[in-house]
Amino acid sequence: MSRFIDRVVLHVSAGKGGNGCSSVHREKFKPLGGPDGGNGGQGGGVIFVVDSNVHTLLDFHFSSHAKAGNGTQGMGGNREGANGEDLILKVPDGTVVLDKKGNVLADMIGEGTRFDAAPGGRGGLGNAALASKARRAPGFALLGEEGIERELVLELKSVADVGLVGFPSAGKSSLVSVLSAAKPKIADYPFTTLVPNLGVVSSGDTTFTVADVPGLIPGASQGRGLGLDFLRHLERCAVLAHVVDCATLDPGRDPISDVDALEAELAAYKPALSGDASLGDLADRPRIVVLNKADIPEGAELAEMVTAEFESRGWPVFTISAVTRAGLKPLTFALAKLVEDYRTAHPAPEPRRQVLRPVARNDDSFKVVKDPDIPDGFIVRGTRPERWVRQTQFTNDEAVGYLADRLARLGVEDALIKAGAQPGASVTIGEVSFDWEPQTPAGVEITMTGRGTDARLDQVERIGASERKHARQVRRGLDTEQE
């Protein structure tokens, strides 16, 4: 038996970019043919696409992790690595994507609507792309970046033309079962329906969908009785139909008070999506009143008594019996007419154009702040410095020297001096901490030595911050390890 899942938490991971290649062209009689290492491939991204053949989030309920393909490493001969394969996730029409804080990232309506949930990591540059006048044959390449990982919440808001609203056990599921071929669970106890049941109804040349929304109770707009989970399925319904139990045995309840209580909840609930603004608030949607259970004499008598009250509000009123199917044909034609009027005023939505808000990749801004965990330490925060650190292979001295040159040209060295950094101070960029040495010449043209080496790094003889910290611990008796 299939299950209707309308809310899931999904962990998505984009693919990692491939590493660049460090290679030197080798050919007979040409021992130094120049660098020819290719760039790494781009990591694959995670993309949501609306598919009309998907009607539930069930697949994500059982598989809550999704990962795109990784890019491959560059190769010699200036051959670039292959890009990672994008992961296409098909979602139902009406899916809303939120982050873990509840902020709406995408409201996906219309066949083919796309949303890039997690872009893949960039591939690292090979040494051919890093060659310059100062470094004619770099002995290093840049590492590929990790893909973005995100925790997303997917919520499905039913896309139906008519939403049936009513107290528990008002007969909504029974009405859907006789209007359409849907076979919802029907029982004589409250909250039989815990998820919406969708049915397709044909009336003349008009075909429309009806959503049996689980029963609402007073306080639903504040979450009572899972009211918020139920109310969100009404946000995109063009017509709301009050299904009223005219034969209820509960004391203190009658059709008018039931409808008034539900109207108060509909007015209090505010759709969270800006995309629903064209439909207006729930309180402004067209109404129709369905007085059910008229096959019971007391129910028929009560329905006759309250009809005039609802008609005075300008709402069409229909007295029916879902059991005997009495009065269903006029109700079906009336619903079809309301749906047709709405469709005439609101054409079918086209796939929403994806709005791209790219972040500047060459953002030079950064800031230097005090490290709260390390005395006299500093933290450098900025898009470019942090990305450069992630791309650096710290086991290669030449790559470290290249990083130092990039940071110096960006102005990090000067900013640390202005912030009061002392030689040997701990500086953290991203997830890497190192001892700052201002005497190391950076950003200037120097004579390069062997591939993968940097003569400047051998000139530093200063005792680093980690060594000084260890020496203090030994003097205080906190560490008995001898150097």
Protein backbone atom coordinates (compact mmCIF):
# COMPACT_ATOMS: atom_id res chain seq x y z
CA MET A 1 0.00 0.00 0.00
CA SER A 2 1.43 3.40 -1.00
CA ARG A 3 2.00 6.09 1.61
CA PHE A 4 1.49 9.82 1.28
CA ILE A 5 4.54 11.63 2.65
CA ASP A 6 4.30 15.43 2.63
CA ARG A 7 7.33 16.48 4.70
CA VAL A 8 10.89 15.14 4.75
CA VAL A 9 14.34 16.24 5.86
CA LEU A 10 16.93 15.70 3.14
CA HIS A 11 20.72 15.91 3.35
CA VAL A 12 22.23 16.90 0.00
CA SER A 13 25.91 16.91 -0.89
CA ALA A 14 27.35 18.31 -4.09
CA GLY A 15 30.31 16.63 -5.73
CA LYS A 16 33.93 17.54 -5.01
CA GLY A 17 35.94 19.28 -7.68
CA GLY A 18 38.85 17.31 -9.13
CA ASN A 19 42.43 18.21 -8.25
CA GLY A 20 44.62 19.94 -10.77
CA CYS A 21 47.54 18.02 -12.27
CA SER A 22 51.22 18.91 -11.90
CA SER A 23 52.99 17.62 -15.00
CA VAL A 24 55.87 18.59 -17.30
CA HIS A 25 55.77 17.87 -21.00
CA ARG A 26 58.32 15.23 -21.90
CA GLU A 27 59.33 14.48 -25.44
CA LYS A 28 62.41 13.03 -27.04
CA PHE A 29 65.12 15.64 -27.40
CA LYS A 30 62.89 18.06 -25.37
CA PRO A 31 63.57 17.27 -21.70
CA LEU A 32 61.98 20.54 -20.48
CA GLY A 33 58.92 20.99 -22.60
CA GLY A 34 57.06 23.15 -20.09
CA PRO A 35 54.14 22.49 -17.74
CA ASP A 36 51.18 20.64 -19.23
CA GLY A 37 49.06 19.67 -16.20
CA GLY A 38 45.31 19.99 -16.86
CA ASN A 39 42.62 21.39 -14.60
CA GLY A 40 40.38 19.23 -12.46
CA GLY A 41 36.74 18.67 -13.39
CA GLN A 42 33.85 20.50 -11.73
CA GLY A 43 31.87 18.64 -9.10
CA GLY A 44 28.28 17.72 -9.89
CA GLY A 45 25.41 19.67 -8.37
CA VAL A 46 22.14 18.60 -6.76
CA ILE A 47 19.11 19.88 -8.69
CA PHE A 48 15.39 19.60 -7.91
CA VAL A 49 13.01 19.35 -10.88
CA VAL A 50 9.20 19.29 -10.79
CA ASP A 51 7.80 16.15 -12.44
CA SER A 52 4.06 15.68 -12.94
CA ASN A 53 4.46 11.91 -12.59
CA VAL A 54 5.66 12.27 -8.99
CA HIS A 55 2.94 12.81 -6.39
CA THR A 56 4.60 12.24 -3.02
CA LEU A 57 7.93 12.67 -1.21
CA LEU A 58 7.99 8.98 -0.33
CA ASP A 59 11.32 8.27 -2.07
CA PHE A 60 13.11 10.88 0.06
CA HIS A 61 11.51 9.48 3.22
CA PHE A 62 13.37 6.18 2.74
CA SER A 63 16.52 7.70 1.25
CA SER A 64 17.32 10.91 3.11
CA HIS A 65 20.85 11.42 1.74
CA ALA A 66 21.64 12.49 -1.81
CA LYS A 67 25.12 13.04 -3.27
CA ALA A 68 26.19 14.18 -6.71
CA GLY A 69 29.22 12.85 -8.59
CA ASN A 70 32.77 14.09 -8.04
CA GLY A 71 34.91 15.69 -10.70
CA THR A 72 37.98 13.75 -11.79
CA GLN A 73 41.60 14.88 -11.55
CA GLY A 74 43.31 16.68 -14.41
CA MET A 75 45.93 14.85 -16.44
CA GLY A 76 49.12 15.57 -18.30
CA GLY A 77 49.05 16.74 -21.86
CA ASN A 78 46.75 19.61 -20.87
CA ARG A 79 43.85 17.18 -20.47
CA GLU A 80 41.15 18.40 -18.12
CA GLY A 81 39.35 16.09 -15.75
CA ALA A 82 35.74 15.10 -16.40
CA ASN A 83 32.99 17.03 -14.67
CA GLY A 84 30.97 15.23 -12.03
CA GLU A 85 27.46 14.15 -12.99
CA ASP A 86 24.64 16.31 -11.68
CA LEU A 87 22.08 14.58 -9.47
CA ILE A 88 18.54 15.31 -10.68
CA LEU A 89 15.90 14.79 -7.98
CA LYS A 90 12.29 14.72 -9.18
CA VAL A 91 9.76 16.31 -6.83
CA PRO A 92 5.97 16.76 -7.00
CA ASP A 93 4.34 19.94 -8.18
CA GLY A 94 3.79 22.17 -5.15
CA THR A 95 6.99 21.29 -3.30
CA VAL A 96 8.50 23.97 -1.08
CA VAL A 97 12.22 23.84 -0.24
CA LEU A 98 13.31 25.34 3.10
CA ASP A 99 16.61 25.48 4.95
CA LYS A 100 17.02 24.13 8.47
CA LYS A 101 16.08 27.55 9.90
CA GLY A 102 12.74 27.52 8.10
CA ASN A 103 13.61 30.11 5.43
CA VAL A 104 11.92 29.45 2.08
CA LEU A 105 14.51 28.79 -0.63
CA ALA A 106 12.23 27.74 -3.49
CA ASP A 107 8.50 27.42 -4.17
CA MET A 108 8.34 24.91 -7.01
CA ILE A 109 5.16 25.18 -9.08
CA GLY A 110 4.79 24.12 -12.70
CA GLU A 111 6.15 21.21 -14.72
CA GLY A 112 9.89 21.49 -15.29
CA THR A 113 10.61 24.09 -12.61
CA ARG A 114 14.23 23.70 -11.43
CA PHE A 115 16.12 24.67 -8.31
CA ASP A 116 19.88 24.28 -7.83
CA ALA A 117 19.98 23.05 -4.25
CA ALA A 118 23.76 22.57 -3.94
CA PRO A 119 26.32 23.65 -6.56
CA GLY A 120 29.34 21.42 -7.08
CA GLY A 121 32.87 22.29 -6.02
CA ARG A 122 35.23 24.00 -8.45
CA GLY A 123 38.04 22.00 -9.97
CA GLY A 124 41.62 22.89 -9.09
CA LEU A 125 43.90 24.54 -11.63
CA GLY A 126 46.71 22.49 -13.13
CA ASN A 127 50.28 23.76 -13.25
CA ALA A 128 49.86 24.77 -16.90
CA ALA A 129 47.27 27.33 -15.84
CA LEU A 130 49.49 28.50 -12.96
CA ALA A 131 52.54 29.21 -15.10
CA SER A 132 53.68 32.82 -15.05
CA LYS A 133 56.74 34.93 -15.74
CA ALA A 134 58.04 34.23 -12.23
CA ARG A 135 57.01 30.55 -12.21
CA ARG A 136 57.66 29.14 -15.65
CA ALA A 137 57.28 25.50 -14.58
CA PRO A 138 55.27 25.27 -11.34
CA GLY A 139 55.85 22.08 -9.43
CA PHE A 140 52.40 22.10 -7.88
CA ALA A 141 48.72 22.33 -8.72
CA LEU A 142 45.65 23.50 -6.83
CA LEU A 143 43.31 21.13 -5.06
CA GLY A 144 39.65 20.84 -5.98
CA GLU A 145 37.05 22.39 -3.68
CA GLU A 146 34.58 20.38 -1.67
CA GLY A 147 30.98 20.50 -2.79
CA ILE A 148 28.35 22.28 -0.69
CA GLU A 149 26.51 20.19 1.89
CA ARG A 150 23.09 21.31 3.09
CA GLU A 151 20.26 20.04 5.22
CA LEU A 152 16.97 20.88 3.53
CA VAL A 153 13.33 20.45 4.45
CA LEU A 154 10.89 19.53 1.67
CA GLU A 155 7.22 20.26 2.24
CA LEU A 156 4.48 19.30 -0.17
CA LYS A 157 1.54 21.66 -0.35
CA SER A 158 -1.24 19.89 -2.25
CA VAL A 159 -2.05 21.40 -5.62
CA ALA A 160 -5.82 20.86 -5.78
CA ASP A 161 -8.67 22.91 -7.22
CA VAL A 162 -11.13 22.29 -4.37
CA GLY A 163 -10.31 21.82 -0.71
CA LEU A 164 -12.86 20.14 1.56
CA VAL A 165 -12.83 21.74 5.01
CA GLY A 166 -14.67 20.51 8.05
CA PHE A 167 -14.58 19.10 11.56
CA PRO A 168 -13.40 15.51 12.07
CA SER A 169 -15.99 12.90 11.00
CA ALA A 170 -17.94 15.45 8.93
CA GLY A 171 -17.92 13.08 5.94
CA LYS A 172 -15.15 14.58 3.81
CA SER A 173 -13.53 11.26 2.97
CA SER A 174 -16.92 9.76 2.12
CA LEU A 175 -17.63 12.69 -0.19
CA VAL A 176 -14.31 12.28 -2.03
CA SER A 177 -14.97 8.55 -2.44
CA VAL A 178 -18.34 9.15 -4.16
CA LEU A 179 -17.23 12.13 -6.26
CA SER A 180 -14.13 10.39 -7.62
CA ALA A 181 -12.44 7.02 -7.89
CA ALA A 182 -10.33 7.67 -4.77
CA LYS A 183 -10.63 5.10 -2.00
CA PRO A 184 -9.68 6.88 1.24
CA LYS A 185 -9.91 5.29 4.64
CA ILE A 186 -13.40 5.79 6.11
CA ALA A 187 -14.32 5.06 9.72
CA ASP A 188 -16.68 6.31 12.42
CA TYR A 189 -14.04 7.89 14.67
CA PRO A 190 -12.34 11.30 14.53
CA PHE A 191 -9.07 11.93 12.66
CA THR A 192 -9.46 8.89 10.43
CA THR A 193 -7.67 10.94 7.76
CA LEU A 194 -4.16 12.03 8.73
CA VAL A 195 -2.93 12.97 5.25
CA PRO A 196 -4.83 14.57 2.35
CA ASN A 197 -6.66 12.36 -0.12
CA LEU A 198 -6.76 13.62 -3.69
CA GLY A 199 -9.55 12.71 -6.09
CA VAL A 200 -10.13 13.59 -9.74
CA VAL A 201 -13.69 14.66 -10.59
CA SER A 202 -15.19 15.03 -14.08
CA SER A 203 -18.23 17.23 -14.69
CA GLY A 204 -19.13 17.78 -18.34
CA ASP A 205 -16.04 19.13 -20.06
CA THR A 206 -14.39 20.16 -16.80
CA THR A 207 -12.00 17.97 -14.86
CA PHE A 208 -10.74 19.12 -11.49
CA THR A 209 -9.09 17.74 -8.36
CA VAL A 210 -10.55 17.63 -4.87
CA ALA A 211 -8.42 17.46 -1.70
CA ASP A 212 -9.86 15.85 1.43
CA VAL A 213 -7.99 17.83 4.07
CA PRO A 214 -7.81 16.16 7.50
CA GLY A 215 -10.31 17.43 10.06
CA LEU A 216 -9.73 20.84 11.63
CA ILE A 217 -10.59 21.90 15.16
CA PRO A 218 -10.59 25.27 16.97
CA GLY A 219 -7.00 26.35 17.54
CA ALA A 220 -5.74 24.73 14.32
CA SER A 221 -4.05 27.96 13.18
CA GLN A 222 -1.87 27.77 16.34
CA GLY A 223 -0.97 24.14 15.67
CA ARG A 224 -3.60 22.41 17.79
CA GLY A 225 -4.47 18.97 16.49
CA LEU A 226 -1.69 19.14 13.87
CA GLY A 227 -3.61 22.07 12.42
CA LEU A 228 -0.63 23.73 10.74
CA ASP A 229 0.28 20.50 8.97
CA PHE A 230 -3.29 20.29 7.67
CA LEU A 231 -3.85 23.95 6.82
CA ARG A 232 -0.85 24.23 4.54
CA HIS A 233 -2.59 21.88 2.08
CA LEU A 234 -5.28 24.53 1.56
CA GLU A 235 -2.87 27.28 0.50
CA ARG A 236 -3.16 26.51 -3.22
CA CYS A 237 -6.81 25.42 -3.34
CA ALA A 238 -8.85 27.80 -5.52
CA VAL A 239 -12.19 26.91 -3.90
CA LEU A 240 -12.95 25.95 -0.29
CA ALA A 241 -15.96 23.76 0.46
CA HIS A 242 -17.27 23.59 4.03
CA VAL A 243 -18.48 20.04 4.67
CA VAL A 244 -20.89 20.26 7.63
CA ASP A 245 -22.13 17.35 9.73
CA CYS A 246 -25.86 18.02 10.15
CA ALA A 247 -26.38 14.90 12.26
CA THR A 248 -23.69 15.37 14.90
CA LEU A 249 -24.46 14.16 18.39
CA ASP A 250 -21.87 16.35 20.08
CA PRO A 251 -23.53 18.80 22.51
CA GLY A 252 -22.95 22.48 21.83
CA ARG A 253 -22.29 21.96 18.11
CA ASP A 254 -24.45 22.99 15.18
CA PRO A 255 -23.72 23.76 11.49
CA ILE A 256 -23.50 27.53 11.96
CA SER A 257 -21.13 27.40 14.94
CA ASP A 258 -18.99 24.79 13.16
CA VAL A 259 -18.58 26.97 10.08
CA ASP A 260 -17.92 30.09 12.17
CA ALA A 261 -15.21 28.29 14.14
CA LEU A 262 -13.48 27.08 10.96
CA GLU A 263 -13.78 30.50 9.33
CA ALA A 264 -11.96 31.99 12.31
CA GLU A 265 -9.12 29.48 11.86
CA LEU A 266 -8.90 30.15 8.12
CA ALA A 267 -8.74 33.89 8.76
CA ALA A 268 -6.02 33.45 11.40
CA TYR A 269 -3.82 31.29 9.19
CA LYS A 270 -1.52 33.28 6.91
CA PRO A 271 0.12 31.52 3.96
CA ALA A 272 3.88 31.73 4.33
CA LEU A 273 4.69 31.77 0.63
CA SER A 274 4.81 34.92 -1.44
CA GLY A 275 3.98 32.78 -4.47
CA ASP A 276 0.49 32.23 -3.08
CA ALA A 277 -0.30 35.94 -3.10
CA SER A 278 -2.24 35.56 -6.35
CA LEU A 279 -4.74 33.34 -4.56
CA GLY A 280 -5.12 35.72 -1.65
CA ASP A 281 -5.58 34.77 1.97
CA LEU A 282 -7.65 31.73 2.82
CA ALA A 283 -10.37 34.03 4.13
CA ASP A 284 -10.77 35.53 0.62
CA ARG A 285 -11.17 32.28 -1.35
CA PRO A 286 -14.56 31.42 -2.91
CA ARG A 287 -16.77 29.40 -0.54
CA ILE A 288 -19.40 26.73 -0.91
CA VAL A 289 -21.31 25.03 1.93
CA VAL A 290 -22.10 21.32 1.78
CA LEU A 291 -24.66 20.16 4.35
CA ASN A 292 -23.95 16.44 4.67
CA LYS A 293 -25.82 13.46 6.18
CA ALA A 294 -29.25 14.58 4.99
CA ASP A 295 -30.28 10.89 4.78
CA ILE A 296 -30.89 11.07 8.55
CA PRO A 297 -34.25 12.78 9.31
CA GLU A 298 -32.78 15.01 12.00
CA GLY A 299 -29.98 16.00 9.65
CA ALA A 300 -32.33 16.92 6.83
CA GLU A 301 -34.44 19.00 9.18
CA LEU A 302 -31.43 20.86 10.56
CA ALA A 303 -30.05 21.46 7.06
CA GLU A 304 -33.30 23.09 6.04
CA MET A 305 -33.18 25.36 9.08
CA VAL A 306 -29.66 26.71 8.48
CA THR A 307 -29.72 27.05 4.68
CA ALA A 308 -31.11 30.58 4.75
CA GLU A 309 -28.36 31.73 7.14
CA PHE A 310 -25.56 30.57 4.83
CA GLU A 311 -27.26 31.92 1.73
CA SER A 312 -27.48 35.32 3.40
CA ARG A 313 -23.66 35.32 3.50
CA GLY A 314 -23.55 34.93 -0.27
CA TRP A 315 -22.39 31.29 -0.22
CA PRO A 316 -23.99 28.60 -2.39
CA VAL A 317 -25.53 25.88 -0.20
CA PHE A 318 -26.08 22.23 -1.18
CA THR A 319 -27.76 19.58 0.91
CA ILE A 320 -26.41 16.10 0.15
CA SER A 321 -25.97 12.60 1.48
CA ALA A 322 -22.68 10.92 0.74
CA VAL A 323 -24.25 7.58 1.66
CA THR A 324 -27.27 7.71 -0.68
CA ARG A 325 -25.53 10.07 -3.16
CA ALA A 326 -28.49 12.42 -3.07
CA GLY A 327 -27.73 15.95 -4.28
CA LEU A 328 -24.26 15.11 -5.64
CA LYS A 329 -24.91 16.08 -9.27
CA PRO A 330 -25.86 19.73 -8.56
CA LEU A 331 -22.88 19.97 -6.19
CA THR A 332 -20.50 18.65 -8.84
CA PHE A 333 -21.72 21.13 -11.46
CA ALA A 334 -21.43 24.02 -8.98
CA LEU A 335 -17.85 23.08 -8.08
CA ALA A 336 -16.95 22.78 -11.76
CA LYS A 337 -18.37 26.25 -12.41
CA LEU A 338 -16.33 27.81 -9.60
CA VAL A 339 -13.17 26.06 -10.80
CA GLU A 340 -13.74 27.20 -14.38
CA ASP A 341 -14.20 30.78 -13.22
CA TYR A 342 -10.94 30.61 -11.32
CA ARG A 343 -9.04 29.10 -14.26
CA THR A 344 -10.35 31.82 -16.55
CA ALA A 345 -9.09 34.51 -14.17
CA HIS A 346 -5.83 32.67 -13.41
CA PRO A 347 -4.17 30.88 -16.36
CA ALA A 348 -2.21 27.73 -15.60
CA PRO A 349 1.19 28.62 -14.13
CA GLU A 350 4.16 28.22 -16.40
CA PRO A 351 7.41 26.73 -15.12
CA ARG A 352 8.98 29.38 -12.95
CA ARG A 353 12.11 30.92 -14.32
CA GLN A 354 15.00 30.24 -12.04
CA VAL A 355 16.44 33.41 -10.55
CA LEU A 356 20.21 33.25 -10.19
CA ARG A 357 21.87 35.48 -7.65
CA PRO A 358 25.56 34.70 -8.18
CA VAL A 359 28.03 35.50 -5.47
CA ALA A 360 31.08 37.41 -6.67
CA ARG A 361 33.91 34.91 -6.88
CA ASN A 362 36.60 37.59 -7.02
CA ASP A 363 35.53 39.33 -3.86
CA ASP A 364 38.61 41.00 -2.44
CA SER A 365 37.04 41.87 0.89
CA PHE A 366 38.35 40.21 4.06
CA LYS A 367 38.74 41.11 7.70
CA VAL A 368 41.19 40.31 10.48
CA VAL A 369 39.79 39.68 13.96
CA LYS A 370 41.20 38.56 17.29
CA ASP A 371 41.15 34.83 17.94
CA PRO A 372 39.02 34.30 21.08
CA ASP A 373 40.61 30.91 21.82
CA ILE A 374 44.31 31.65 21.26
CA PRO A 375 46.09 34.51 23.07
CA ASP A 376 47.65 36.99 20.65
CA GLY A 377 46.15 34.97 17.79
CA PHE A 378 44.22 36.27 14.78
CA ILE A 379 41.60 34.95 12.38
CA VAL A 380 41.40 36.04 8.75
CA ARG A 381 37.88 35.78 7.29
CA GLY A 382 37.13 36.28 3.62
CA THR A 383 35.91 34.39 0.58
CA ARG A 384 39.16 34.43 -1.35
CA PRO A 385 41.64 33.73 1.48
CA GLU A 386 39.55 30.80 2.74
CA ARG A 387 39.18 29.38 -0.76
CA TRP A 388 42.89 29.71 -1.46
CA VAL A 389 43.73 27.83 1.73
CA ARG A 390 41.36 25.00 0.79
CA GLN A 391 43.07 24.74 -2.60
CA THR A 392 46.61 24.57 -1.19
CA GLN A 393 48.58 21.35 -0.79
CA PHE A 394 50.57 22.11 2.36
CA THR A 395 53.00 19.21 1.86
CA ASN A 396 54.39 21.10 -1.14
CA ASP A 397 56.64 24.04 -0.19
CA GLU A 398 56.21 25.72 -3.56
CA ALA A 399 52.42 25.61 -3.18
CA VAL A 400 52.76 27.17 0.28
CA GLY A 401 54.97 29.93 -1.12
CA TYR A 402 52.42 30.57 -3.88
CA LEU A 403 49.73 30.90 -1.22
CA ALA A 404 51.89 33.40 0.69
CA ASP A 405 52.32 35.48 -2.47
CA ARG A 406 48.56 35.53 -3.12
CA LEU A 407 47.76 36.56 0.46
CA ALA A 408 50.40 39.30 0.37
CA ARG A 409 49.06 40.74 -2.89
CA LEU A 410 45.56 40.72 -1.41
CA GLY A 411 46.80 42.80 1.54
CA VAL A 412 46.52 40.22 4.32
CA GLU A 413 50.11 40.82 5.42
CA ASP A 414 49.56 44.56 5.86
CA ALA A 415 46.23 44.00 7.60
CA LEU A 416 47.86 41.70 10.18
CA ILE A 417 50.54 44.32 10.91
CA LYS A 418 47.87 47.00 11.42
CA ALA A 419 45.95 44.65 13.72
CA GLY A 420 49.02 44.32 15.95
CA ALA A 421 50.15 40.80 15.02
CA GLN A 422 53.62 39.92 16.30
CA PRO A 423 56.09 37.57 14.58
CA GLY A 424 55.24 33.97 15.40
CA ALA A 425 51.62 34.79 16.21
CA SER A 426 49.03 32.14 15.41
CA VAL A 427 46.97 33.05 12.33
CA THR A 428 43.94 31.00 11.31
CA ILE A 429 42.43 31.04 7.84
CA GLY A 430 39.58 28.63 7.29
CA GLU A 431 40.50 25.38 8.99
CA VAL A 432 44.27 25.93 8.86
CA SER A 433 46.40 27.64 11.53
CA PHE A 434 50.02 28.65 11.03
CA ASP A 435 52.72 30.80 12.64
CA TRP A 436 52.99 34.16 10.96
CA GLU A 437 56.46 35.21 9.77
CA PRO A 438 56.43 38.79 8.43
CA GLN A 439 60.14 38.63 7.53
CA THR A 440 59.39 36.03 4.85
CA PRO A 441 59.46 37.99 1.56
CA ALA A 442 56.11 37.44 -0.12
CA GLY A 443 54.65 38.89 -3.27
CA VAL A 444 58.05 39.68 -4.80
CA GLU A 445 59.88 38.06 -7.67
CA ILE A 446 62.49 35.62 -6.43
CA THR A 447 64.72 33.03 -7.99
CA MET A 448 62.90 29.72 -7.88
CA THR A 449 64.82 26.57 -6.93
CA GLY A 450 63.79 22.97 -7.56
CA ARG A 451 60.22 22.05 -8.43
CA GLY A 452 58.05 21.71 -5.33
CA THR A 453 60.41 23.77 -3.14
CA ASP A 454 60.58 27.39 -1.98
CA ALA A 455 63.85 28.79 -0.69
CA ARG A 456 62.07 31.37 1.47
CA LEU A 457 60.62 28.71 3.75
CA ASP A 458 64.09 27.44 4.63
CA GLN A 459 65.17 30.91 5.82
CA VAL A 460 62.82 30.99 8.79
CA GLU A 461 64.57 29.93 11.99
CA ARG A 462 62.19 31.55 14.45
CA ILE A 463 60.64 29.34 17.11
CA GLY A 464 56.96 29.00 16.32
CA ALA A 465 54.01 29.66 18.63
CA SER A 466 53.29 25.95 19.09
CA GLU A 467 56.90 25.28 20.14
CA ARG A 468 56.86 28.20 22.60
CA LYS A 469 53.60 26.94 24.09
CA HIS A 470 55.08 23.45 24.51
CA ALA A 471 58.20 24.91 26.17
CA ARG A 472 56.03 26.84 28.68
CA GLN A 473 54.12 23.66 29.54
CA VAL A 474 57.41 21.83 30.15
CA ARG A 475 58.68 24.61 32.42
CA ARG A 476 55.45 24.58 34.43
CA GLY A 477 55.51 20.82 34.75
CA LEU A 478 52.34 20.37 32.70
CA ASP A 479 54.12 18.29 30.07
CA THR A 480 56.93 15.91 30.96
CA GLU A 481 57.80 15.10 27.37
CA GLN A 482 61.35 16.15 26.61
CA GLU A 483 62.26 17.78 23.37
